[in-house]
Each structure stands twice: as structure tokens, then as C-alpha cells.
Amino acid sequence: MDGKLRNMTALYLLHGDEILFLYRQGSRVVGDSYVGAAGGHFEKDELNDAKACVLRELREEIGLTEADLRDLRLRYVTLRLKNREIRQNYYFFAYLDDPEKIRQSNEGRLRWVPYAEAMSLTMPLSARFMMQHFLQEGKNNSNLYGGITEENGITFHILQEF
């Protein structure tokens, strides 16, 4: 291991009992899969500010700003070793009160998916384990969770300041 890092954010928008996903095709990092509605790699000036990264991606990819969202929160941070790099994912969630503001994305096809159908989608491994936890537990609280991705899952822990 040579210490290479890949820092990424993802934003999942919620409305009623649905989550907005983006279907990406041909991505060299996530392949053909469903990911958060907006997100991507950190710019150099964002390395210490995951929220700045996710808001930039939201603006660039969907044309929305933080003012369009309600209760934007970092909810999950995961680590995974893949292709000789440590991938750090910062997963944000927010409510979108007016889904009519969503038109399209320049990154792929957007799709509102009912909670009950979300786990049937093809997702990157860390995102799948995160989403499974969110649907079972995370959607019922406002905790920040951290976990290390393993082949068969992630054991999440509540991150607390002390």
C-alpha cells in the first residue's frame, strides 16, 4: 500500500418515502450503477471541507443550491481499500421539499425510488452497505456513522465528539 487516497462525496435527496438516485454509466470509479443524486471527487481547496465539495457538485450537476434543501447533514463516512487506494466516502442526506426543482443531471439519469425498492438497485459496495443501514436504522435518527467496508458489510459506529 502506497498511501494513495480518493476522497468522494455523495448526496441523497429525500422526499416523502422516496430517495433520488443517479444512474451513472461508464464511470471508471463506480461502473454502471446507482449513486447519490449528486457527488464526486474533492477539489484541492475542498480537502478539509466535505460539505463544500458536495454543494459544489450539487450546483454543477443538478443546478440546486443549499437554499433548495432542508436539513442537509453528513450522515456516513466510510473507508474502503480498493485498487491500492484508500477510498473515503462522505455521504450526505437532505430533504427536497419541491421535487419539481429537479430537471436533469449532466452526469446521468435521475430517478426517484421508493425506500422499499432502493435495495434492488445496482450500487457500489460501500454505498450499498450504507444505504442498507440508512433504510434499517439511519433514517430514524440524525446520527453520524463511521465504518470500514469489508467484503460482507460494514459495521457502523456512531461518531461522537469527546
N, C-alpha and C. Protein backbone atom coordinates (compact mmCIF):
# COMPACT_ATOMS: atom_id res chain seq x y z
N MET A 1 0.85 -1.18 0.00
CA MET A 1 0.00 0.00 0.00
C MET A 1 0.89 1.23 0.00
N ASP A 2 0.61 2.15 -0.91
CA ASP A 2 1.46 3.32 -1.02
C ASP A 2 0.80 4.62 -0.54
N GLY A 3 -0.33 4.52 0.11
CA GLY A 3 -0.94 5.69 0.74
C GLY A 3 -1.77 6.58 -0.17
N LYS A 4 -2.16 6.09 -1.34
CA LYS A 4 -3.00 6.91 -2.23
C LYS A 4 -4.41 6.98 -1.66
N LEU A 5 -5.00 8.18 -1.76
CA LEU A 5 -6.35 8.42 -1.23
C LEU A 5 -7.27 8.88 -2.35
N ARG A 6 -8.52 8.50 -2.24
CA ARG A 6 -9.57 9.01 -3.13
C ARG A 6 -10.70 9.47 -2.21
N ASN A 7 -10.92 10.78 -2.15
CA ASN A 7 -11.98 11.37 -1.33
C ASN A 7 -13.17 11.71 -2.21
N MET A 8 -14.35 11.22 -1.80
CA MET A 8 -15.55 11.43 -2.60
C MET A 8 -16.74 11.77 -1.71
N THR A 9 -17.67 12.54 -2.26
CA THR A 9 -18.92 12.83 -1.57
C THR A 9 -20.08 12.31 -2.40
N ALA A 10 -21.20 12.13 -1.72
CA ALA A 10 -22.46 11.79 -2.39
C ALA A 10 -23.59 12.42 -1.59
N LEU A 11 -24.60 12.90 -2.29
CA LEU A 11 -25.77 13.50 -1.67
C LEU A 11 -27.01 12.73 -2.10
N TYR A 12 -27.75 12.25 -1.12
CA TYR A 12 -29.02 11.56 -1.36
C TYR A 12 -30.13 12.51 -0.94
N LEU A 13 -31.00 12.85 -1.89
CA LEU A 13 -32.12 13.74 -1.61
C LEU A 13 -33.35 12.91 -1.29
N LEU A 14 -34.09 13.36 -0.29
CA LEU A 14 -35.26 12.65 0.21
C LEU A 14 -36.51 13.49 0.00
N HIS A 15 -37.60 12.82 -0.35
CA HIS A 15 -38.91 13.48 -0.46
C HIS A 15 -39.96 12.42 -0.17
N GLY A 16 -40.76 12.64 0.87
CA GLY A 16 -41.74 11.62 1.26
C GLY A 16 -41.02 10.34 1.61
N ASP A 17 -41.41 9.25 0.98
CA ASP A 17 -40.76 7.95 1.21
C ASP A 17 -39.91 7.53 0.01
N GLU A 18 -39.33 8.54 -0.67
CA GLU A 18 -38.50 8.27 -1.84
C GLU A 18 -37.12 8.90 -1.70
N ILE A 19 -36.17 8.32 -2.41
CA ILE A 19 -34.79 8.80 -2.46
C ILE A 19 -34.44 9.05 -3.92
N LEU A 20 -33.77 10.16 -4.19
CA LEU A 20 -33.34 10.46 -5.55
C LEU A 20 -31.97 9.84 -5.80
N PHE A 21 -31.91 8.96 -6.79
CA PHE A 21 -30.67 8.31 -7.21
C PHE A 21 -30.29 8.80 -8.60
N LEU A 22 -29.01 8.68 -8.90
CA LEU A 22 -28.48 8.98 -10.22
C LEU A 22 -27.91 7.69 -10.79
N TYR A 23 -28.33 7.34 -12.00
CA TYR A 23 -27.76 6.17 -12.68
C TYR A 23 -26.62 6.65 -13.56
N ARG A 24 -25.41 6.23 -13.20
CA ARG A 24 -24.20 6.58 -13.96
C ARG A 24 -23.80 5.41 -14.83
N GLN A 25 -23.41 5.71 -16.04
CA GLN A 25 -22.93 4.69 -16.96
C GLN A 25 -21.51 5.01 -17.38
N GLY A 26 -20.69 3.98 -17.39
CA GLY A 26 -19.33 4.12 -17.90
C GLY A 26 -18.35 4.81 -16.97
N SER A 27 -18.71 4.96 -15.71
CA SER A 27 -17.79 5.59 -14.76
C SER A 27 -16.62 4.67 -14.48
N ARG A 28 -15.40 5.20 -14.50
CA ARG A 28 -14.23 4.36 -14.22
C ARG A 28 -14.13 4.02 -12.74
N VAL A 29 -14.82 4.76 -11.86
CA VAL A 29 -14.76 4.51 -10.43
C VAL A 29 -15.91 3.64 -9.96
N VAL A 30 -17.15 3.93 -10.38
CA VAL A 30 -18.31 3.19 -9.89
C VAL A 30 -18.99 2.32 -10.94
N GLY A 31 -18.46 2.30 -12.15
CA GLY A 31 -19.06 1.48 -13.21
C GLY A 31 -20.45 1.96 -13.55
N ASP A 32 -21.30 1.04 -14.00
CA ASP A 32 -22.70 1.35 -14.29
C ASP A 32 -23.49 1.05 -13.02
N SER A 33 -23.89 2.10 -12.31
CA SER A 33 -24.57 1.87 -11.04
C SER A 33 -25.34 3.10 -10.59
N TYR A 34 -26.17 2.89 -9.57
CA TYR A 34 -26.93 3.97 -8.95
C TYR A 34 -26.12 4.53 -7.78
N VAL A 35 -26.03 5.84 -7.75
CA VAL A 35 -25.29 6.55 -6.71
C VAL A 35 -26.18 7.71 -6.24
N GLY A 36 -25.66 8.51 -5.31
CA GLY A 36 -26.39 9.68 -4.85
C GLY A 36 -26.71 10.62 -6.00
N ALA A 37 -27.71 11.47 -5.81
CA ALA A 37 -28.16 12.37 -6.87
C ALA A 37 -27.07 13.31 -7.35
N ALA A 38 -26.14 13.65 -6.47
CA ALA A 38 -25.00 14.50 -6.83
C ALA A 38 -23.82 14.06 -5.99
N GLY A 39 -22.64 14.31 -6.51
CA GLY A 39 -21.44 13.97 -5.74
C GLY A 39 -20.26 13.80 -6.65
N GLY A 40 -19.11 13.59 -6.02
CA GLY A 40 -17.91 13.38 -6.81
C GLY A 40 -16.66 13.59 -5.99
N HIS A 41 -15.58 13.82 -6.69
CA HIS A 41 -14.27 13.94 -6.06
C HIS A 41 -14.02 15.35 -5.52
N PHE A 42 -13.27 15.40 -4.45
CA PHE A 42 -12.88 16.66 -3.84
C PHE A 42 -11.93 17.42 -4.76
N GLU A 43 -12.08 18.73 -4.82
CA GLU A 43 -11.09 19.60 -5.42
C GLU A 43 -10.03 19.88 -4.35
N LYS A 44 -8.85 20.32 -4.75
CA LYS A 44 -7.76 20.54 -3.79
C LYS A 44 -8.16 21.49 -2.66
N ASP A 45 -8.91 22.53 -2.97
CA ASP A 45 -9.29 23.51 -1.93
C ASP A 45 -10.43 23.01 -1.04
N GLU A 46 -10.95 21.81 -1.30
CA GLU A 46 -12.05 21.25 -0.51
C GLU A 46 -11.61 20.10 0.40
N LEU A 47 -10.35 19.78 0.41
CA LEU A 47 -9.89 18.58 1.11
C LEU A 47 -10.27 18.54 2.59
N ASN A 48 -10.46 19.69 3.21
CA ASN A 48 -10.87 19.71 4.60
C ASN A 48 -12.31 20.15 4.78
N ASP A 49 -13.11 20.07 3.72
CA ASP A 49 -14.48 20.56 3.77
C ASP A 49 -15.39 19.75 2.84
N ALA A 50 -15.84 18.60 3.34
CA ALA A 50 -16.70 17.73 2.54
C ALA A 50 -18.00 18.42 2.13
N LYS A 51 -18.52 19.28 2.99
CA LYS A 51 -19.77 19.98 2.66
C LYS A 51 -19.56 20.91 1.47
N ALA A 52 -18.44 21.61 1.41
CA ALA A 52 -18.15 22.48 0.26
C ALA A 52 -18.11 21.66 -1.02
N CYS A 53 -17.53 20.48 -0.95
CA CYS A 53 -17.46 19.61 -2.13
C CYS A 53 -18.85 19.18 -2.58
N VAL A 54 -19.66 18.70 -1.65
CA VAL A 54 -20.98 18.19 -2.05
C VAL A 54 -21.87 19.32 -2.56
N LEU A 55 -21.73 20.53 -2.01
CA LEU A 55 -22.53 21.66 -2.50
C LEU A 55 -22.08 22.10 -3.89
N ARG A 56 -20.78 22.06 -4.14
CA ARG A 56 -20.29 22.38 -5.49
C ARG A 56 -20.83 21.37 -6.49
N GLU A 57 -20.74 20.09 -6.14
CA GLU A 57 -21.23 19.04 -7.05
C GLU A 57 -22.74 19.19 -7.29
N LEU A 58 -23.49 19.52 -6.25
CA LEU A 58 -24.94 19.73 -6.39
C LEU A 58 -25.22 20.85 -7.38
N ARG A 59 -24.51 21.95 -7.25
CA ARG A 59 -24.69 23.09 -8.14
C ARG A 59 -24.30 22.73 -9.58
N GLU A 60 -23.15 22.07 -9.74
CA GLU A 60 -22.66 21.73 -11.08
C GLU A 60 -23.52 20.68 -11.77
N GLU A 61 -23.96 19.68 -11.02
CA GLU A 61 -24.63 18.54 -11.63
C GLU A 61 -26.14 18.68 -11.76
N ILE A 62 -26.77 19.36 -10.81
CA ILE A 62 -28.24 19.45 -10.82
C ILE A 62 -28.73 20.90 -10.88
N GLY A 63 -27.86 21.85 -10.55
CA GLY A 63 -28.25 23.25 -10.59
C GLY A 63 -28.97 23.73 -9.34
N LEU A 64 -28.88 22.98 -8.24
CA LEU A 64 -29.51 23.40 -6.99
C LEU A 64 -28.44 23.96 -6.05
N THR A 65 -28.92 24.71 -5.04
CA THR A 65 -28.04 25.25 -4.02
C THR A 65 -28.52 24.78 -2.65
N GLU A 66 -27.75 25.10 -1.63
CA GLU A 66 -28.12 24.71 -0.27
C GLU A 66 -29.48 25.30 0.12
N ALA A 67 -29.83 26.46 -0.42
CA ALA A 67 -31.11 27.09 -0.12
C ALA A 67 -32.30 26.25 -0.60
N ASP A 68 -32.07 25.37 -1.56
CA ASP A 68 -33.14 24.49 -2.07
C ASP A 68 -33.38 23.29 -1.17
N LEU A 69 -32.47 23.06 -0.21
CA LEU A 69 -32.51 21.86 0.62
C LEU A 69 -32.96 22.19 2.04
N ARG A 70 -33.41 21.14 2.71
CA ARG A 70 -33.73 21.26 4.13
C ARG A 70 -32.98 20.18 4.89
N ASP A 71 -32.36 20.57 5.98
CA ASP A 71 -31.69 19.64 6.90
C ASP A 71 -30.56 18.85 6.23
N LEU A 72 -29.69 19.57 5.52
CA LEU A 72 -28.51 18.94 4.92
C LEU A 72 -27.58 18.47 6.02
N ARG A 73 -27.25 17.17 6.01
CA ARG A 73 -26.38 16.62 7.06
C ARG A 73 -25.45 15.56 6.50
N LEU A 74 -24.22 15.58 7.00
CA LEU A 74 -23.30 14.47 6.77
C LEU A 74 -23.76 13.35 7.69
N ARG A 75 -24.04 12.18 7.11
CA ARG A 75 -24.61 11.08 7.91
C ARG A 75 -23.70 9.87 8.00
N TYR A 76 -22.85 9.65 6.98
CA TYR A 76 -21.99 8.46 6.95
C TYR A 76 -20.63 8.82 6.39
N VAL A 77 -19.59 8.23 6.99
CA VAL A 77 -18.23 8.30 6.46
C VAL A 77 -17.73 6.86 6.41
N THR A 78 -17.29 6.43 5.22
CA THR A 78 -16.80 5.06 5.08
C THR A 78 -15.40 5.06 4.49
N LEU A 79 -14.66 4.00 4.81
CA LEU A 79 -13.34 3.75 4.25
C LEU A 79 -13.36 2.41 3.55
N ARG A 80 -12.65 2.34 2.43
CA ARG A 80 -12.52 1.07 1.70
C ARG A 80 -11.18 1.06 0.98
N LEU A 81 -10.51 -0.08 1.02
CA LEU A 81 -9.29 -0.26 0.24
C LEU A 81 -9.67 -0.93 -1.07
N LYS A 82 -9.41 -0.24 -2.18
CA LYS A 82 -9.74 -0.79 -3.50
C LYS A 82 -8.73 -0.26 -4.50
N ASN A 83 -8.24 -1.17 -5.33
CA ASN A 83 -7.28 -0.81 -6.38
C ASN A 83 -6.09 -0.04 -5.81
N ARG A 84 -5.62 -0.50 -4.66
CA ARG A 84 -4.43 0.05 -4.00
C ARG A 84 -4.59 1.50 -3.55
N GLU A 85 -5.81 1.93 -3.33
CA GLU A 85 -6.05 3.26 -2.79
C GLU A 85 -7.10 3.17 -1.69
N ILE A 86 -7.00 4.09 -0.74
CA ILE A 86 -8.00 4.17 0.32
C ILE A 86 -9.08 5.13 -0.16
N ARG A 87 -10.29 4.61 -0.27
CA ARG A 87 -11.42 5.42 -0.71
C ARG A 87 -12.21 5.87 0.51
N GLN A 88 -12.30 7.19 0.66
CA GLN A 88 -13.06 7.78 1.75
C GLN A 88 -14.33 8.38 1.15
N ASN A 89 -15.46 7.90 1.61
CA ASN A 89 -16.75 8.39 1.11
C ASN A 89 -17.47 9.15 2.20
N TYR A 90 -17.97 10.32 1.84
CA TYR A 90 -18.74 11.17 2.75
C TYR A 90 -20.15 11.24 2.18
N TYR A 91 -21.10 10.61 2.88
CA TYR A 91 -22.48 10.52 2.41
C TYR A 91 -23.35 11.53 3.15
N PHE A 92 -23.94 12.44 2.39
CA PHE A 92 -24.84 13.46 2.91
C PHE A 92 -26.27 13.10 2.55
N PHE A 93 -27.20 13.55 3.38
CA PHE A 93 -28.63 13.42 3.11
C PHE A 93 -29.27 14.78 3.35
N ALA A 94 -30.33 15.07 2.58
CA ALA A 94 -31.09 16.31 2.76
C ALA A 94 -32.50 16.07 2.21
N TYR A 95 -33.42 16.89 2.67
CA TYR A 95 -34.79 16.84 2.17
C TYR A 95 -34.96 17.88 1.08
N LEU A 96 -35.69 17.50 0.06
CA LEU A 96 -36.05 18.41 -1.02
C LEU A 96 -37.56 18.56 -0.98
N ASP A 97 -38.03 19.72 -0.51
CA ASP A 97 -39.47 19.92 -0.36
C ASP A 97 -40.19 20.10 -1.69
N ASP A 98 -39.47 20.57 -2.71
CA ASP A 98 -40.07 20.80 -4.01
C ASP A 98 -39.35 19.98 -5.09
N PRO A 99 -39.78 18.71 -5.28
CA PRO A 99 -39.09 17.87 -6.27
C PRO A 99 -39.21 18.38 -7.70
N GLU A 100 -40.11 19.31 -7.94
CA GLU A 100 -40.24 19.89 -9.29
C GLU A 100 -39.01 20.70 -9.67
N LYS A 101 -38.17 21.07 -8.69
CA LYS A 101 -36.94 21.80 -8.98
C LYS A 101 -35.92 20.92 -9.68
N ILE A 102 -36.09 19.62 -9.59
CA ILE A 102 -35.17 18.68 -10.24
C ILE A 102 -35.58 18.53 -11.69
N ARG A 103 -34.68 18.84 -12.57
CA ARG A 103 -34.94 18.70 -14.01
C ARG A 103 -34.13 17.54 -14.58
N GLN A 104 -32.82 17.66 -14.53
CA GLN A 104 -31.95 16.64 -15.09
C GLN A 104 -30.57 16.80 -14.50
N SER A 105 -29.71 15.84 -14.77
CA SER A 105 -28.32 15.89 -14.33
C SER A 105 -27.43 15.75 -15.55
N ASN A 106 -26.28 16.41 -15.51
CA ASN A 106 -25.34 16.25 -16.61
C ASN A 106 -24.44 15.03 -16.40
N GLU A 107 -24.71 14.24 -15.36
CA GLU A 107 -23.88 13.08 -15.03
C GLU A 107 -24.57 11.74 -15.31
N GLY A 108 -25.86 11.76 -15.61
CA GLY A 108 -26.59 10.51 -15.83
C GLY A 108 -28.08 10.74 -15.70
N ARG A 109 -28.81 9.66 -15.44
CA ARG A 109 -30.27 9.69 -15.37
C ARG A 109 -30.74 9.69 -13.92
N LEU A 110 -31.50 10.69 -13.52
CA LEU A 110 -32.05 10.79 -12.17
C LEU A 110 -33.33 9.98 -12.05
N ARG A 111 -33.54 9.39 -10.87
CA ARG A 111 -34.74 8.57 -10.66
C ARG A 111 -35.13 8.59 -9.19
N TRP A 112 -36.38 8.97 -8.91
CA TRP A 112 -36.92 8.87 -7.56
C TRP A 112 -37.30 7.41 -7.32
N VAL A 113 -36.83 6.85 -6.21
CA VAL A 113 -37.04 5.43 -5.91
C VAL A 113 -37.66 5.31 -4.52
N PRO A 114 -38.77 4.58 -4.39
CA PRO A 114 -39.34 4.36 -3.06
C PRO A 114 -38.34 3.62 -2.16
N TYR A 115 -38.36 3.95 -0.87
CA TYR A 115 -37.48 3.27 0.08
C TYR A 115 -37.53 1.76 -0.10
N ALA A 116 -38.73 1.23 -0.28
CA ALA A 116 -38.92 -0.23 -0.36
C ALA A 116 -38.23 -0.86 -1.56
N GLU A 117 -37.89 -0.07 -2.58
CA GLU A 117 -37.27 -0.61 -3.79
C GLU A 117 -35.77 -0.29 -3.90
N ALA A 118 -35.25 0.53 -3.01
CA ALA A 118 -33.88 1.02 -3.14
C ALA A 118 -32.85 -0.10 -3.16
N MET A 119 -33.01 -1.12 -2.35
CA MET A 119 -32.00 -2.17 -2.28
C MET A 119 -32.01 -3.09 -3.49
N SER A 120 -32.95 -2.93 -4.40
CA SER A 120 -32.95 -3.73 -5.63
C SER A 120 -32.05 -3.10 -6.70
N LEU A 121 -31.55 -1.89 -6.46
CA LEU A 121 -30.70 -1.20 -7.43
C LEU A 121 -29.26 -1.69 -7.35
N THR A 122 -28.55 -1.60 -8.46
CA THR A 122 -27.11 -1.89 -8.51
C THR A 122 -26.38 -0.66 -7.98
N MET A 123 -25.56 -0.85 -6.93
CA MET A 123 -24.82 0.26 -6.32
C MET A 123 -23.39 -0.18 -6.04
N PRO A 124 -22.47 0.80 -5.92
CA PRO A 124 -21.13 0.46 -5.45
C PRO A 124 -21.23 -0.18 -4.06
N LEU A 125 -20.25 -1.02 -3.72
CA LEU A 125 -20.31 -1.81 -2.49
C LEU A 125 -20.51 -0.97 -1.23
N SER A 126 -19.69 0.04 -1.01
CA SER A 126 -19.82 0.86 0.20
C SER A 126 -21.17 1.57 0.24
N ALA A 127 -21.62 2.07 -0.90
CA ALA A 127 -22.92 2.75 -0.97
C ALA A 127 -24.05 1.78 -0.65
N ARG A 128 -23.96 0.55 -1.12
CA ARG A 128 -24.99 -0.47 -0.84
C ARG A 128 -25.10 -0.73 0.66
N PHE A 129 -23.96 -0.95 1.31
CA PHE A 129 -23.99 -1.23 2.76
C PHE A 129 -24.47 -0.01 3.53
N MET A 130 -24.08 1.18 3.10
CA MET A 130 -24.53 2.41 3.74
C MET A 130 -26.03 2.56 3.59
N MET A 131 -26.54 2.34 2.38
CA MET A 131 -27.97 2.50 2.12
C MET A 131 -28.78 1.48 2.91
N GLN A 132 -28.29 0.27 3.00
CA GLN A 132 -28.98 -0.76 3.79
C GLN A 132 -29.10 -0.30 5.25
N HIS A 133 -28.02 0.22 5.80
CA HIS A 133 -28.05 0.71 7.18
C HIS A 133 -28.99 1.90 7.31
N PHE A 134 -28.93 2.83 6.35
CA PHE A 134 -29.81 4.00 6.40
C PHE A 134 -31.27 3.58 6.42
N LEU A 135 -31.65 2.67 5.56
CA LEU A 135 -33.05 2.26 5.48
C LEU A 135 -33.50 1.51 6.73
N GLN A 136 -32.60 0.76 7.34
CA GLN A 136 -32.96 -0.01 8.54
C GLN A 136 -32.91 0.82 9.81
N GLU A 137 -31.97 1.75 9.89
CA GLU A 137 -31.75 2.46 11.14
C GLU A 137 -31.53 3.96 10.97
N GLY A 138 -30.69 4.35 10.06
CA GLY A 138 -30.27 5.74 9.93
C GLY A 138 -31.37 6.72 9.64
N LYS A 139 -32.40 6.31 8.89
CA LYS A 139 -33.48 7.24 8.56
C LYS A 139 -34.31 7.62 9.78
N ASN A 140 -34.12 6.89 10.87
CA ASN A 140 -34.91 7.14 12.07
C ASN A 140 -34.19 8.00 13.10
N ASN A 141 -33.02 8.53 12.76
CA ASN A 141 -32.28 9.36 13.69
C ASN A 141 -31.43 10.35 12.90
N SER A 142 -30.61 11.12 13.59
CA SER A 142 -29.75 12.10 12.91
C SER A 142 -28.27 11.86 13.23
N ASN A 143 -27.92 10.64 13.61
CA ASN A 143 -26.54 10.32 13.97
C ASN A 143 -25.60 10.39 12.78
N LEU A 144 -24.33 10.61 13.09
CA LEU A 144 -23.26 10.49 12.12
C LEU A 144 -22.59 9.15 12.38
N TYR A 145 -22.49 8.33 11.34
CA TYR A 145 -21.92 6.98 11.45
C TYR A 145 -20.61 6.89 10.68
N GLY A 146 -19.71 6.08 11.19
CA GLY A 146 -18.47 5.78 10.50
C GLY A 146 -18.30 4.28 10.40
N GLY A 147 -17.65 3.83 9.33
CA GLY A 147 -17.43 2.40 9.17
C GLY A 147 -16.38 2.09 8.13
N ILE A 148 -15.83 0.89 8.27
CA ILE A 148 -14.83 0.39 7.33
C ILE A 148 -15.49 -0.71 6.50
N THR A 149 -15.43 -0.55 5.19
CA THR A 149 -16.07 -1.51 4.29
C THR A 149 -15.25 -2.78 4.22
N GLU A 150 -15.94 -3.90 4.42
CA GLU A 150 -15.35 -5.22 4.25
C GLU A 150 -16.16 -5.94 3.18
N GLU A 151 -15.69 -7.07 2.77
CA GLU A 151 -16.34 -7.79 1.67
C GLU A 151 -17.81 -8.08 1.94
N ASN A 152 -18.15 -8.37 3.20
CA ASN A 152 -19.51 -8.77 3.53
C ASN A 152 -20.31 -7.74 4.29
N GLY A 153 -19.82 -6.51 4.38
CA GLY A 153 -20.60 -5.48 5.06
C GLY A 153 -19.75 -4.43 5.73
N ILE A 154 -20.42 -3.56 6.44
CA ILE A 154 -19.79 -2.52 7.23
C ILE A 154 -20.40 -2.58 8.62
N THR A 155 -19.56 -2.57 9.63
CA THR A 155 -20.05 -2.40 10.98
C THR A 155 -19.99 -0.90 11.27
N PHE A 156 -21.14 -0.29 11.43
CA PHE A 156 -21.19 1.15 11.65
C PHE A 156 -21.14 1.46 13.14
N HIS A 157 -20.47 2.56 13.44
CA HIS A 157 -20.39 3.08 14.80
C HIS A 157 -20.83 4.53 14.76
N ILE A 158 -21.54 4.95 15.79
CA ILE A 158 -21.91 6.35 15.89
C ILE A 158 -20.65 7.14 16.22
N LEU A 159 -20.36 8.15 15.42
CA LEU A 159 -19.22 9.03 15.68
C LEU A 159 -19.69 10.12 16.64
N GLN A 160 -19.01 10.19 17.77
CA GLN A 160 -19.37 11.18 18.78
C GLN A 160 -18.14 12.02 19.13
N GLU A 161 -18.40 13.27 19.36
CA GLU A 161 -17.31 14.15 19.77
C GLU A 161 -17.07 13.96 21.26
N PHE A 162 -15.83 13.86 21.66
CA PHE A 162 -15.49 13.73 23.08
C PHE A 162 -14.14 14.35 23.37
